[in-house]
Amino acid sequence: MLQKILSIILFCTSFTYAQEHLIVIGGGKRPADALNKLIELSGKEQGEILIIPWASGEQEVGVESIKKDIAALSPIKVVSAPFSPLTPESKAKLLNQLKSAKGVFFTGGDQVRIMKVLEDETLFKAMHERYHNNVVFSGTSAGTAIMSEKMITGNGKLDVIDGTQVETKKGLGLLTNAIVDQHFIKRQRENRLMGLILQYPILLGIGIDENTAVYVQNNKSAEVFGESQVLIFDAQQSKEAMKLYFLKKGDKFDLVKRKKVKI
C-alpha cells in the first residue's frame, strides 16, 4: 500500500514539473539568443539536439547549416534525423533518436513536406509525447509554420483580407492557441494572417519577422528574441475591430490573458 502511495506521489510530482518549451524563428538569420535558449533547454554540453530537415529540398545542406550555427555557440551534440522519405528502418531509428534527444529542430523549406512525413500517426504521437515531457521543440521558417494546429501552407491570395482565400492544412499543433506566420514583415504577409484571425477569432495571430524568434512556455507566455519585431493580432472581441500588438526583443506577451506583460 505504501509503495502504491509513493508511486502516485512521484507521478503527480513529475506531472507538476513537466514543462513545454517552443522556440519559433521567423526565417532569415537564426538569432544567437534564440539558439542559446535552445541549447540551454536541451541540456547544454550534456544534451543533444535532433535536426529534422524534411522541409528542405537539400536536406543535407539544411542539417549542416544549423549544425554550423549551433557549433559556434556550444559543443552540444547535434545529430540529424534520417532524411525523408522514411523506410521502416529509418523510422525505427528516428523513434530511438527522439527518446534520447533533449531538443528537436525543424529546418526551413516547405512545411507541407514535413507534415507529409508526419501523416504517420506513430511519429506524430511520438513528437507530442516528447514535447509534453520537457523536450524543447524549435524550428525556422517552414519549421515554424508547422507548429500551429492550423498550418498556413503558403498557397492563397495575399492581396485580400479573406481567410477563406488562404490555404491551411493540419500542422504539428504544438502551439494550440494561435496561428503562426513567418518572414512576416519582410514579405508583407499581414493580409493572410489577419484574414485567418478574422475567420478564426478564437485564435491569436502571431507574425514573426526574419531574424527574430518567439519563445513560448506551456502555451501561456511568449518572449521575443532577435533583431526585428513580432506582431500579434487579436479579433476575439469583434470581427469589426482587431487589436494589434507590436513586440520587440525582450517583450513578453500573455497568450492566455491576451495582453502584453509589463516588465
Protein backbone atom coordinates (compact mmCIF):
# COMPACT_ATOMS: atom_id res chain seq x y z
CA MET A 1 0.00 0.00 0.00
CA LEU A 2 2.82 2.40 0.96
CA GLN A 3 4.63 1.65 -2.31
CA LYS A 4 1.47 2.46 -4.26
CA ILE A 5 1.08 5.80 -2.46
CA LEU A 6 4.72 6.68 -3.16
CA SER A 7 4.26 5.83 -6.84
CA ILE A 8 1.24 8.14 -7.05
CA ILE A 9 3.19 10.97 -5.37
CA LEU A 10 6.11 10.54 -7.76
CA PHE A 11 3.77 10.53 -10.76
CA CYS A 12 2.00 13.69 -9.61
CA THR A 13 5.30 15.41 -8.91
CA SER A 14 6.69 14.63 -12.37
CA PHE A 15 3.43 15.82 -13.94
CA THR A 16 3.53 19.07 -11.98
CA TYR A 17 7.03 19.89 -13.16
CA ALA A 18 6.52 18.86 -16.79
CA GLN A 19 7.24 21.84 -18.99
CA GLU A 20 6.53 22.63 -22.63
CA HIS A 21 9.11 24.74 -24.47
CA LEU A 22 8.76 26.02 -28.02
CA ILE A 23 11.12 28.34 -29.90
CA VAL A 24 9.86 29.51 -33.29
CA ILE A 25 12.07 31.53 -35.63
CA GLY A 26 10.71 33.70 -38.44
CA GLY A 27 13.34 32.75 -41.01
CA GLY A 28 16.42 34.61 -42.18
CA LYS A 29 19.28 34.59 -39.69
CA ARG A 30 18.80 32.41 -36.64
CA PRO A 31 19.16 34.76 -33.65
CA ALA A 32 22.01 33.80 -31.31
CA ASP A 33 19.88 34.46 -28.21
CA ALA A 34 17.21 32.06 -29.51
CA LEU A 35 19.78 29.38 -30.28
CA ASN A 36 21.37 29.87 -26.86
CA LYS A 37 17.96 29.29 -25.26
CA LEU A 38 17.55 26.14 -27.38
CA ILE A 39 21.00 24.94 -26.25
CA GLU A 40 20.26 25.72 -22.61
CA LEU A 41 16.92 23.89 -22.62
CA SER A 42 18.48 20.96 -24.49
CA GLY A 43 20.95 20.28 -21.66
CA LYS A 44 23.95 22.38 -22.74
CA GLU A 45 27.16 20.33 -23.17
CA GLN A 46 25.49 17.20 -21.77
CA GLY A 47 22.48 17.48 -24.06
CA GLU A 48 21.56 16.50 -27.60
CA ILE A 49 19.70 18.31 -30.38
CA LEU A 50 17.98 16.38 -33.18
CA ILE A 51 17.77 18.20 -36.53
CA ILE A 52 14.85 17.31 -38.78
CA PRO A 53 15.49 18.54 -42.36
CA TRP A 54 12.48 17.15 -44.23
CA ALA A 55 11.23 20.59 -45.36
CA SER A 56 14.34 21.24 -47.41
CA GLY A 57 14.92 20.22 -51.00
CA GLU A 58 18.58 19.77 -49.99
CA GLN A 59 18.27 18.02 -46.65
CA GLU A 60 21.99 17.55 -46.03
CA VAL A 61 22.65 21.26 -46.63
CA GLY A 62 19.89 22.17 -44.18
CA VAL A 63 21.43 20.00 -41.48
CA GLU A 64 24.95 21.34 -41.96
CA SER A 65 23.76 24.94 -41.86
CA ILE A 66 22.10 24.70 -38.43
CA LYS A 67 24.93 22.49 -37.13
CA LYS A 68 27.39 25.26 -38.01
CA ASP A 69 25.33 27.90 -36.19
CA ILE A 70 24.99 25.78 -33.05
CA ALA A 71 28.66 24.72 -33.05
CA ALA A 72 29.67 28.39 -32.99
CA LEU A 73 27.84 28.72 -29.66
CA SER A 74 28.23 25.37 -27.90
CA PRO A 75 29.84 21.90 -28.13
CA ILE A 76 26.43 20.31 -27.51
CA LYS A 77 25.86 17.12 -29.51
CA VAL A 78 23.87 17.69 -32.72
CA VAL A 79 22.53 14.76 -34.77
CA SER A 80 20.49 14.51 -37.95
CA ALA A 81 17.23 12.65 -38.29
CA PRO A 82 17.04 10.23 -41.23
CA PHE A 83 16.23 12.00 -44.47
CA SER A 84 12.78 11.64 -45.97
CA PRO A 85 11.14 9.63 -47.37
CA LEU A 86 11.50 7.28 -44.43
CA THR A 87 11.80 3.50 -44.63
CA PRO A 88 10.68 1.15 -41.83
CA GLU A 89 14.32 1.00 -40.72
CA SER A 90 14.87 4.77 -40.73
CA LYS A 91 11.55 5.33 -38.97
CA ALA A 92 12.67 2.99 -36.16
CA LYS A 93 15.97 4.88 -35.96
CA LEU A 94 14.11 8.20 -35.69
CA LEU A 95 11.89 6.94 -32.87
CA ASN A 96 15.02 5.93 -30.95
CA GLN A 97 16.60 9.33 -31.62
CA LEU A 98 13.53 11.06 -30.22
CA LYS A 99 13.92 9.12 -26.99
CA SER A 100 17.44 10.47 -26.38
CA ALA A 101 17.13 13.99 -27.80
CA LYS A 102 16.61 16.90 -25.40
CA GLY A 103 15.89 19.32 -28.24
CA VAL A 104 14.30 18.97 -31.69
CA PHE A 105 14.82 21.49 -34.50
CA PHE A 106 12.96 21.61 -37.85
CA THR A 107 14.76 23.35 -40.72
CA GLY A 108 13.16 25.63 -43.32
CA GLY A 109 11.84 24.81 -46.77
CA ASP A 110 8.30 23.61 -47.48
CA GLN A 111 6.13 22.89 -44.44
CA VAL A 112 3.90 20.54 -46.42
CA ARG A 113 6.86 18.18 -46.86
CA ILE A 114 7.23 17.91 -43.08
CA MET A 115 3.58 17.18 -42.49
CA LYS A 116 3.59 14.58 -45.27
CA VAL A 117 6.06 12.56 -43.20
CA LEU A 118 4.08 13.22 -40.03
CA GLU A 119 0.95 11.72 -41.53
CA ASP A 120 2.42 8.65 -39.86
CA GLU A 121 0.40 8.58 -36.63
CA THR A 122 3.15 6.86 -34.64
CA LEU A 123 5.63 9.62 -35.47
CA PHE A 124 3.08 12.36 -34.87
CA LYS A 125 2.23 11.00 -31.42
CA ALA A 126 5.91 10.46 -30.57
CA MET A 127 6.62 14.14 -31.28
CA HIS A 128 3.81 15.23 -28.99
CA GLU A 129 4.84 12.83 -26.24
CA ARG A 130 8.36 14.24 -26.21
CA TYR A 131 7.13 17.84 -26.32
CA HIS A 132 4.88 17.26 -23.33
CA ASN A 133 7.83 15.80 -21.41
CA ASN A 134 10.35 18.63 -21.28
CA VAL A 135 11.89 18.25 -24.75
CA VAL A 136 12.24 21.69 -26.34
CA PHE A 137 10.94 21.95 -29.90
CA SER A 138 12.12 24.60 -32.32
CA GLY A 139 12.12 25.47 -35.99
CA THR A 140 12.66 28.19 -38.54
CA SER A 141 10.51 29.31 -41.49
CA ALA A 142 8.67 26.13 -42.59
CA GLY A 143 9.77 24.57 -39.31
CA THR A 144 7.89 27.37 -37.57
CA ALA A 145 4.77 27.17 -39.76
CA ILE A 146 4.12 23.55 -38.72
CA MET A 147 3.84 24.44 -35.03
CA SER A 148 0.24 25.70 -35.33
CA GLU A 149 -2.65 23.26 -35.31
CA LYS A 150 -3.95 25.18 -38.31
CA MET A 151 -0.90 25.49 -40.58
CA ILE A 152 -0.57 28.07 -43.36
CA THR A 153 0.70 26.22 -46.44
CA GLY A 154 1.84 29.25 -48.44
CA ASN A 155 -0.87 28.93 -51.09
CA GLY A 156 -3.63 31.51 -51.41
CA LYS A 157 -4.25 35.16 -52.19
CA LEU A 158 -2.14 37.81 -50.47
CA ASP A 159 -3.89 40.87 -51.95
CA VAL A 160 -7.14 40.45 -49.95
CA ILE A 161 -8.03 40.15 -46.26
CA ASP A 162 -10.08 36.98 -46.52
CA GLY A 163 -9.27 33.86 -44.55
CA THR A 164 -11.22 31.69 -46.98
CA GLN A 165 -8.64 32.59 -49.64
CA VAL A 166 -5.72 31.28 -47.54
CA GLU A 167 -4.95 27.57 -47.70
CA THR A 168 -4.36 25.84 -44.39
CA LYS A 169 -3.71 22.22 -43.50
CA LYS A 170 -3.19 20.23 -40.33
CA GLY A 171 0.04 21.18 -38.60
CA LEU A 172 2.00 19.51 -35.84
CA GLY A 173 -0.09 21.58 -33.46
CA LEU A 174 2.25 22.20 -30.52
CA LEU A 175 1.03 25.79 -30.47
CA THR A 176 -2.64 25.32 -29.63
CA ASN A 177 -3.98 28.84 -29.19
CA ALA A 178 -2.56 30.67 -32.21
CA ILE A 179 -1.76 30.62 -35.90
CA VAL A 180 1.87 31.47 -36.58
CA ASP A 181 3.29 33.08 -39.73
CA GLN A 182 6.93 33.74 -40.62
CA HIS A 183 9.08 36.10 -42.78
CA PHE A 184 6.25 38.36 -41.69
CA ILE A 185 7.26 42.00 -42.13
CA LYS A 186 9.91 41.27 -44.74
CA ARG A 187 7.42 39.57 -47.07
CA GLN A 188 4.33 41.65 -46.12
CA ARG A 189 2.20 38.72 -45.03
CA GLU A 190 -0.21 40.65 -42.81
CA ASN A 191 -3.22 40.25 -45.13
CA ARG A 192 -3.34 36.47 -44.96
CA LEU A 193 -2.86 36.29 -41.19
CA MET A 194 -5.45 39.00 -40.48
CA GLY A 195 -7.92 37.20 -42.73
CA LEU A 196 -7.41 33.92 -40.89
CA ILE A 197 -7.76 35.52 -37.46
CA LEU A 198 -11.00 37.21 -38.51
CA GLN A 199 -12.20 33.80 -39.68
CA TYR A 200 -10.99 32.03 -36.50
CA PRO A 201 -11.17 34.71 -33.76
CA ILE A 202 -10.67 32.14 -31.00
CA LEU A 203 -7.03 32.02 -32.13
CA LEU A 204 -4.33 34.66 -31.88
CA GLY A 205 -2.28 35.53 -34.94
CA ILE A 206 1.48 35.63 -34.36
CA GLY A 207 3.52 37.11 -37.20
CA ILE A 208 7.28 36.66 -36.72
CA ASP A 209 9.67 38.67 -38.84
CA GLU A 210 13.00 37.40 -40.18
CA ASN A 211 15.99 37.30 -37.81
CA THR A 212 13.50 37.14 -34.93
CA ALA A 213 12.09 34.40 -32.68
CA VAL A 214 9.41 33.76 -30.09
CA TYR A 215 9.97 31.56 -27.06
CA VAL A 216 6.69 30.03 -25.82
CA GLN A 217 6.32 28.28 -22.47
CA ASN A 218 3.39 25.98 -21.76
CA ASN A 219 1.27 27.71 -24.42
CA LYS A 220 0.86 30.53 -21.89
CA SER A 221 3.69 33.03 -22.19
CA ALA A 222 5.71 34.32 -25.13
CA GLU A 223 9.01 36.23 -25.20
CA VAL A 224 10.66 37.86 -28.21
CA PHE A 225 14.29 37.28 -29.20
CA GLY A 226 16.27 38.63 -32.13
CA GLU A 227 16.56 41.79 -34.20
CA SER A 228 13.15 42.72 -35.64
CA GLN A 229 9.53 42.63 -34.47
CA VAL A 230 6.67 40.26 -33.77
CA LEU A 231 3.08 41.31 -34.46
CA ILE A 232 0.18 39.73 -32.57
CA PHE A 233 -3.40 40.04 -33.86
CA ASP A 234 -6.47 39.53 -31.65
CA ALA A 235 -10.01 39.61 -33.08
CA GLN A 236 -11.74 37.81 -30.22
CA GLN A 237 -13.84 40.79 -29.14
CA SER A 238 -15.16 41.78 -32.54
CA LYS A 239 -14.85 40.90 -36.20
CA GLU A 240 -15.05 44.61 -36.99
CA ALA A 241 -12.21 45.71 -34.70
CA MET A 242 -8.88 43.99 -34.23
CA LYS A 243 -6.24 44.53 -31.58
CA LEU A 244 -2.67 44.70 -32.81
CA TYR A 245 0.39 44.38 -30.60
CA PHE A 246 3.96 45.25 -31.65
CA LEU A 247 6.63 43.34 -29.75
CA LYS A 248 10.40 43.71 -29.90
CA LYS A 249 13.32 41.90 -28.29
CA GLY A 250 12.72 41.35 -24.58
CA ASP A 251 8.97 41.99 -24.75
CA LYS A 252 6.66 39.38 -23.24
CA PHE A 253 3.06 38.51 -24.01
CA ASP A 254 0.44 36.57 -22.01
CA LEU A 255 -1.17 34.20 -24.52
CA VAL A 256 -4.00 33.32 -22.11
CA LYS A 257 -4.98 36.82 -20.98
CA ARG A 258 -4.12 38.17 -24.43
CA LYS A 259 -2.13 41.14 -23.30
CA LYS A 260 1.41 42.46 -23.24
CA VAL A 261 3.22 41.82 -19.96
CA LYS A 262 4.57 44.90 -18.23
CA ILE A 263 8.19 44.45 -17.18
